[in-house]
Every structure is written in C-alpha cells, then in structure tokens.
Amino acid sequence: MAKRSKSFPAYTLQQSIDFASELRTSLGESYISIESIEDHKGVKYDAFKQKLSSCNQYGLLEKKQRVGYKPTDLLKEILYPDNDKEKTEKRIQAFSRPPFCDFIIRKYNNEIFPVKAGLRNIVIRHYGITENSVAKSLDVLYKNIEELELLDSENRLVVPVPTFVDEVNSSFTSSIGSRDHTGSVDQNSIPKTNDKEEDKVSDERDSINKNNDFLEIPIHLDSNRSALLHVPRDLKPDELEYLKEVVEISLKRIVKKVIQSGGLNDSE
C-alpha cells in the first residue's frame, strides 16, 4: 500500500478565498452540506473535495462531520477588512494555518529561502510529503509566498505577523494557570491529577495504538519536534464538542507533568 502524504493545501490561498467566498455568497453563512455544494456546482464531491480541504486548512471554512462546511469569521475579515493593513495581516494569518505552511515558516522565517530543488528533500524527509505530492505542494507554497510578497530584497522569508501555532501557544500560555511575581507558573493553580485515572488512560491508549481505528494529527512545535493527537476515526459531532471542552483541562495536566520534570523554565 502506497504511503499517504501528510496534508498540504492543494490550492493557493487566493484560489481558496475565491471558492469559499462564492459558496458564502450563493449558499449562505450557515453550515453547507456536501449535497448542496454538489447541486450548486453541478458536479460530484470528488471534483471539489481538495478545494474544500484547502479552505479548511487555511481556516476559511469550518468543517463539521456529517453536517458540512461553514464560512468562518476569518474569511469574512479577509473579504471585508477595516483597512489594507488588516487585509494583509488576515491573509497571512490564513496562509500560516496549514501545518505544512507553519512548518515552512518556523524553519525559514527571516532566513534565505531556498529554491524548490533545495526544499524538495527537506519537506519529504522532515515533514512527510511523499514524492508523488512534493511538486504540487511546493508549487502552491511558492505561489502563495509570491502572491503575499513574503520575500524581501535579499530573498529572505519574512512573515510579519504571528503564525497560527504562535496564536495557539499564546492561548495555551494564558490557560495554564496563574503566575507569581517572578513569572513562574503557580503549581497550586493547576488541577490535581489522579494516578489511577492516568493509568487507565494510559492502558486505553496502549490498546488503541494496536489498531488502526484512530487518526494521528501532528502538531508541529519546531522543525524537529511534534506533539501528536490521536482522534477516533468515527468521532461524532457531539464528541468533538466534548473534546474541545476537555482539551484545556488535559493541557493543564500536561503542564503539571512538564513542570515536575523541570520544564516550562522561563529562563531557558
């Protein structure tokens, strides 16, 4: 069985904005079903599924399993910015959202950006793009960088606003508990953990890992390290909402373990 490539936008940001905007104008701002899009476009799902995926990766359309796709606030902000500065910032924010683009930004921001031939091996080896997909992924990436004018006069990649993962990290930092006057995390503000409960979760995880009934979602931390989220393939919409609610609690438990192991040292 051929190895599956890690995800990347198959269409440029501008192409995705145009597609999402047309859906929003024609079919509304609520969730739009696949069937409605098929009827509107007069073609089957396979003809536009990569466009939907690209829009979802850029944060222009929100996906809800078995329901459809909903135009996001980010799309609206791009279409109706308060000024040119906000328009540029929101477009770059959308560009940075796909994990593939964030990987590139984290590795090369403020550095001389390589030519395609030089980047090819990097994204295959260190990100997980397959050889069959690498040409397409780089074509779209370079077109986005060109259209957003992200290379300076010395061919350095310059992304002037925080990336999507930086925003997540900022939200994470604000949610891990209060800090004392030195800036250290107050361990008393972190929820207590139950060892038996954690052992049970560990056993369940080991059992799940033996099967192929979950999706592995990598969250890239830097060029060499990632966090990995395991999500059941048959996750239901109500379970997704529940997952969102408990993620913050789970993160606080993780932070406690990191602190106990000597991590989260602000001086580092």
Protein backbone atom coordinates (compact mmCIF):
# COMPACT_ATOMS: atom_id res chain seq x y z
CA MET A 1 0.00 0.00 0.00
CA ALA A 2 1.40 3.39 -1.02
CA LYS A 3 2.41 5.72 1.78
CA ARG A 4 -0.03 8.58 2.25
CA SER A 5 1.38 12.09 2.16
CA LYS A 6 0.91 14.45 5.06
CA SER A 7 -1.65 17.15 4.38
CA PHE A 8 -0.91 20.32 2.47
CA PRO A 9 -3.09 22.86 0.64
CA ALA A 10 -3.64 21.73 -2.94
CA TYR A 11 -4.86 25.23 -3.92
CA THR A 12 -3.42 28.65 -3.27
CA LEU A 13 -4.85 30.95 -0.64
CA GLN A 14 -6.36 33.24 -3.28
CA GLN A 15 -7.99 30.33 -5.10
CA SER A 16 -9.39 29.11 -1.79
CA ILE A 17 -10.67 32.57 -0.84
CA ASP A 18 -12.45 32.79 -4.20
CA PHE A 19 -14.02 29.34 -3.76
CA ALA A 20 -15.12 29.92 -0.15
CA SER A 21 -16.42 33.39 -0.95
CA GLU A 22 -18.55 32.06 -3.80
CA LEU A 23 -20.06 29.40 -1.52
CA ARG A 24 -20.75 32.02 1.14
CA THR A 25 -22.44 34.34 -1.35
CA SER A 26 -24.51 31.63 -3.04
CA LEU A 27 -25.31 29.25 -0.18
CA GLY A 28 -25.16 31.38 2.97
CA GLU A 29 -23.13 31.64 6.16
CA SER A 30 -24.51 28.57 7.98
CA TYR A 31 -23.25 25.02 7.52
CA ILE A 32 -23.38 23.97 3.88
CA SER A 33 -23.82 20.28 3.11
CA ILE A 34 -21.80 18.40 0.51
CA GLU A 35 -25.04 17.67 -1.32
CA SER A 36 -25.88 21.39 -1.51
CA ILE A 37 -22.46 22.14 -2.98
CA GLU A 38 -22.84 19.31 -5.49
CA ASP A 39 -26.22 20.68 -6.58
CA HIS A 40 -24.88 24.23 -6.77
CA LYS A 41 -21.76 23.29 -8.72
CA GLY A 42 -23.38 20.58 -10.83
CA VAL A 43 -20.52 18.18 -10.11
CA LYS A 44 -19.78 15.41 -7.61
CA TYR A 45 -17.78 15.76 -4.40
CA ASP A 46 -14.55 14.40 -5.91
CA ALA A 47 -14.42 17.40 -8.23
CA PHE A 48 -14.09 19.92 -5.39
CA LYS A 49 -13.01 17.96 -2.30
CA GLN A 50 -9.43 19.28 -2.49
CA LYS A 51 -10.74 22.82 -2.65
CA LEU A 52 -12.81 22.21 0.49
CA SER A 53 -9.79 20.69 2.20
CA SER A 54 -7.62 23.68 1.28
CA CYS A 55 -10.27 26.11 2.53
CA ASN A 56 -10.49 24.17 5.78
CA GLN A 57 -6.70 24.15 6.23
CA TYR A 58 -6.49 27.90 5.67
CA GLY A 59 -9.27 28.46 8.20
CA LEU A 60 -11.73 29.85 5.65
CA LEU A 61 -14.32 27.08 6.06
CA GLU A 62 -15.08 25.24 9.29
CA LYS A 63 -15.75 21.54 8.85
CA LYS A 64 -18.32 19.65 10.91
CA GLN A 65 -18.52 15.91 10.36
CA ARG A 66 -21.74 14.71 8.71
CA VAL A 67 -23.03 18.29 8.60
CA GLY A 68 -20.92 20.28 6.17
CA TYR A 69 -18.77 23.39 5.90
CA LYS A 70 -19.38 26.81 7.39
CA PRO A 71 -17.73 30.10 6.30
CA THR A 72 -15.56 31.40 9.14
CA ASP A 73 -15.05 34.79 10.73
CA LEU A 74 -11.54 34.81 9.24
CA LEU A 75 -13.00 34.56 5.73
CA LYS A 76 -15.32 37.47 6.49
CA GLU A 77 -12.42 39.53 7.86
CA ILE A 78 -10.42 38.87 4.69
CA LEU A 79 -13.35 39.80 2.45
CA TYR A 80 -14.34 42.88 4.44
CA PRO A 81 -11.23 44.25 6.19
CA ASP A 82 -11.25 47.54 8.06
CA ASN A 83 -8.17 48.65 6.12
CA ASP A 84 -5.38 47.37 3.88
CA LYS A 85 -3.18 46.55 6.87
CA GLU A 86 -5.80 44.22 8.36
CA LYS A 87 -6.40 42.64 4.96
CA THR A 88 -2.72 41.76 4.65
CA GLU A 89 -2.50 40.51 8.24
CA LYS A 90 -5.55 38.28 7.92
CA ARG A 91 -4.40 36.80 4.62
CA ILE A 92 -1.01 35.95 6.12
CA GLN A 93 -2.76 34.54 9.18
CA ALA A 94 -4.74 32.24 6.88
CA PHE A 95 -1.59 31.27 4.96
CA SER A 96 0.15 30.25 8.19
CA ARG A 97 -2.66 27.99 9.42
CA PRO A 98 -1.96 24.77 7.46
CA PRO A 99 0.58 22.67 9.40
CA PHE A 100 2.69 22.39 6.22
CA CYS A 101 2.93 26.17 5.85
CA ASP A 102 3.61 26.63 9.55
CA PHE A 103 6.44 24.08 9.30
CA ILE A 104 7.98 26.11 6.47
CA ILE A 105 7.57 29.42 8.33
CA ARG A 106 9.11 28.07 11.53
CA LYS A 107 12.07 26.65 9.65
CA TYR A 108 12.80 29.54 7.29
CA ASN A 109 11.30 32.76 8.64
CA ASN A 110 13.92 35.53 8.47
CA GLU A 111 16.24 33.16 6.60
CA ILE A 112 17.27 32.97 2.95
CA PHE A 113 14.50 30.98 1.29
CA PRO A 114 15.72 28.02 -0.80
CA VAL A 115 14.79 27.24 -4.38
CA LYS A 116 12.34 24.40 -4.97
CA ALA A 117 15.07 21.85 -5.66
CA GLY A 118 16.67 22.66 -2.32
CA LEU A 119 13.41 22.45 -0.40
CA ARG A 120 12.22 19.21 -2.00
CA ASN A 121 14.26 16.85 0.15
CA ILE A 122 13.53 18.86 3.30
CA VAL A 123 9.75 18.52 3.06
CA ILE A 124 9.97 14.84 2.11
CA ARG A 125 12.36 13.89 4.90
CA HIS A 126 11.40 16.24 7.72
CA TYR A 127 7.69 16.90 7.14
CA GLY A 128 6.35 13.82 5.40
CA ILE A 129 5.30 14.93 1.92
CA THR A 130 5.52 11.97 -0.46
CA GLU A 131 7.50 12.07 -3.69
CA ASN A 132 4.27 11.92 -5.69
CA SER A 133 2.92 15.01 -3.93
CA VAL A 134 6.01 17.14 -3.41
CA ALA A 135 5.85 19.02 -6.73
CA LYS A 136 2.23 20.07 -6.16
CA SER A 137 2.84 21.08 -2.54
CA LEU A 138 5.81 23.27 -3.47
CA ASP A 139 4.08 24.85 -6.47
CA VAL A 140 1.24 26.02 -4.23
CA LEU A 141 3.62 27.10 -1.46
CA TYR A 142 5.81 29.24 -3.74
CA LYS A 143 2.76 30.76 -5.43
CA ASN A 144 1.35 31.76 -2.03
CA ILE A 145 4.67 33.30 -0.98
CA GLU A 146 4.84 35.21 -4.27
CA GLU A 147 1.25 36.50 -4.09
CA LEU A 148 1.64 37.54 -0.44
CA GLU A 149 5.03 39.17 -1.18
CA LEU A 150 6.74 37.40 1.72
CA LEU A 151 10.29 37.51 0.31
CA ASP A 152 12.42 40.61 0.89
CA SER A 153 15.04 42.07 -1.44
CA GLU A 154 17.61 39.51 -0.21
CA ASN A 155 15.20 36.60 -0.77
CA ARG A 156 14.59 36.16 2.95
CA LEU A 157 11.24 34.78 4.05
CA VAL A 158 9.59 37.46 6.17
CA VAL A 159 6.27 36.69 7.85
CA PRO A 160 5.39 39.91 9.74
CA VAL A 161 2.53 38.62 11.90
CA PRO A 162 2.27 35.74 14.40
CA THR A 163 1.67 32.32 12.86
CA PHE A 164 -1.36 30.23 13.74
CA VAL A 165 0.64 28.00 16.07
CA ASP A 166 2.04 31.08 17.83
CA GLU A 167 -1.56 32.13 18.49
CA VAL A 168 -2.35 28.69 19.89
CA ASN A 169 0.76 28.80 22.06
CA SER A 170 -0.27 32.23 23.35
CA SER A 171 -3.73 30.95 24.26
CA PHE A 172 -2.11 27.91 25.86
CA THR A 173 0.20 30.08 27.97
CA SER A 174 -2.73 32.13 29.24
CA SER A 175 -4.64 28.98 30.21
CA ILE A 176 -2.00 27.01 32.12
CA GLY A 177 -2.56 28.70 35.44
CA SER A 178 -1.67 31.88 37.26
CA ARG A 179 1.93 33.06 37.61
CA ASP A 180 3.62 34.56 40.63
CA HIS A 181 5.60 37.81 40.69
CA THR A 182 8.69 36.04 39.27
CA GLY A 183 6.76 34.86 36.21
CA SER A 184 6.79 31.21 37.29
CA VAL A 185 3.66 29.11 36.98
CA ASP A 186 1.78 28.77 40.27
CA GLN A 187 1.56 24.98 40.66
CA ASN A 188 -1.35 25.34 43.09
CA SER A 189 -3.44 26.77 40.24
CA ILE A 190 -3.03 23.60 38.16
CA PRO A 191 -5.73 20.94 38.61
CA LYS A 192 -4.76 17.91 40.68
CA THR A 193 -4.37 14.63 38.83
CA ASN A 194 -5.50 11.17 39.83
CA ASP A 195 -2.81 8.49 39.32
CA LYS A 196 -5.37 5.70 38.86
CA GLU A 197 -7.22 7.76 36.29
CA GLU A 198 -3.99 8.44 34.40
CA ASP A 199 -3.06 4.73 34.47
CA LYS A 200 -6.46 3.90 32.99
CA VAL A 201 -5.97 6.45 30.20
CA SER A 202 -2.51 5.03 29.52
CA ASP A 203 -3.90 1.49 29.26
CA GLU A 204 -6.64 2.66 26.88
CA ARG A 205 -4.07 4.44 24.74
CA ASP A 206 -1.89 1.33 24.50
CA SER A 207 -4.94 -0.69 23.46
CA ILE A 208 -5.95 1.84 20.81
CA ASN A 209 -2.45 2.00 19.37
CA LYS A 210 -2.66 -1.67 18.42
CA ASN A 211 -5.48 -0.94 15.96
CA ASN A 212 -5.94 1.35 13.02
CA ASP A 213 -9.09 3.00 14.30
CA PHE A 214 -7.74 6.45 15.01
CA LEU A 215 -6.25 9.40 13.16
CA GLU A 216 -2.87 10.78 14.17
CA ILE A 217 -2.86 14.59 13.96
CA PRO A 218 0.65 16.08 14.30
CA ILE A 219 1.04 19.49 15.91
CA HIS A 220 4.44 20.82 14.87
CA LEU A 221 6.38 22.54 17.66
CA ASP A 222 9.59 23.20 15.74
CA SER A 223 11.50 21.71 12.82
CA ASN A 224 12.33 18.50 14.69
CA ARG A 225 9.61 18.04 17.31
CA SER A 226 5.86 17.49 17.23
CA ALA A 227 3.01 16.73 19.58
CA LEU A 228 0.64 14.02 18.40
CA LEU A 229 -3.12 13.98 18.87
CA HIS A 230 -4.96 10.65 18.49
CA VAL A 231 -8.59 11.02 17.41
CA PRO A 232 -11.00 8.13 16.71
CA ARG A 233 -11.89 7.87 13.03
CA ASP A 234 -15.59 7.58 13.92
CA LEU A 235 -15.62 10.69 16.16
CA LYS A 236 -19.17 12.03 16.45
CA PRO A 237 -20.08 15.75 16.35
CA ASP A 238 -21.19 15.79 20.00
CA GLU A 239 -17.96 14.02 20.98
CA LEU A 240 -15.99 16.68 19.12
CA GLU A 241 -17.69 19.39 21.16
CA TYR A 242 -16.89 17.47 24.34
CA LEU A 243 -13.29 17.07 23.19
CA LYS A 244 -12.97 20.83 22.79
CA GLU A 245 -14.21 21.33 26.34
CA VAL A 246 -11.76 18.91 27.97
CA VAL A 247 -8.67 19.85 25.96
CA GLU A 248 -7.89 22.78 28.24
CA ILE A 249 -8.11 20.57 31.33
CA SER A 250 -5.89 17.96 29.70
CA LEU A 251 -3.33 20.61 28.77
CA LYS A 252 -3.15 21.75 32.38
CA ARG A 253 -2.40 18.18 33.44
CA ILE A 254 0.34 18.01 30.83
CA VAL A 255 1.81 21.26 32.12
CA LYS A 256 1.93 19.86 35.65
CA LYS A 257 3.96 16.88 34.43
CA VAL A 258 6.25 19.20 32.43
CA ILE A 259 6.83 21.35 35.50
CA GLN A 260 7.57 18.31 37.63
CA SER A 261 10.16 17.19 35.07
CA GLY A 262 11.83 20.60 35.12
CA GLY A 263 10.23 22.10 32.01
CA LEU A 264 8.49 25.45 31.41
CA ASN A 265 11.51 27.31 32.73
CA ASP A 266 11.14 30.92 31.61
CA SER A 267 14.87 31.46 31.83
CA GLU A 268 15.56 28.96 29.08
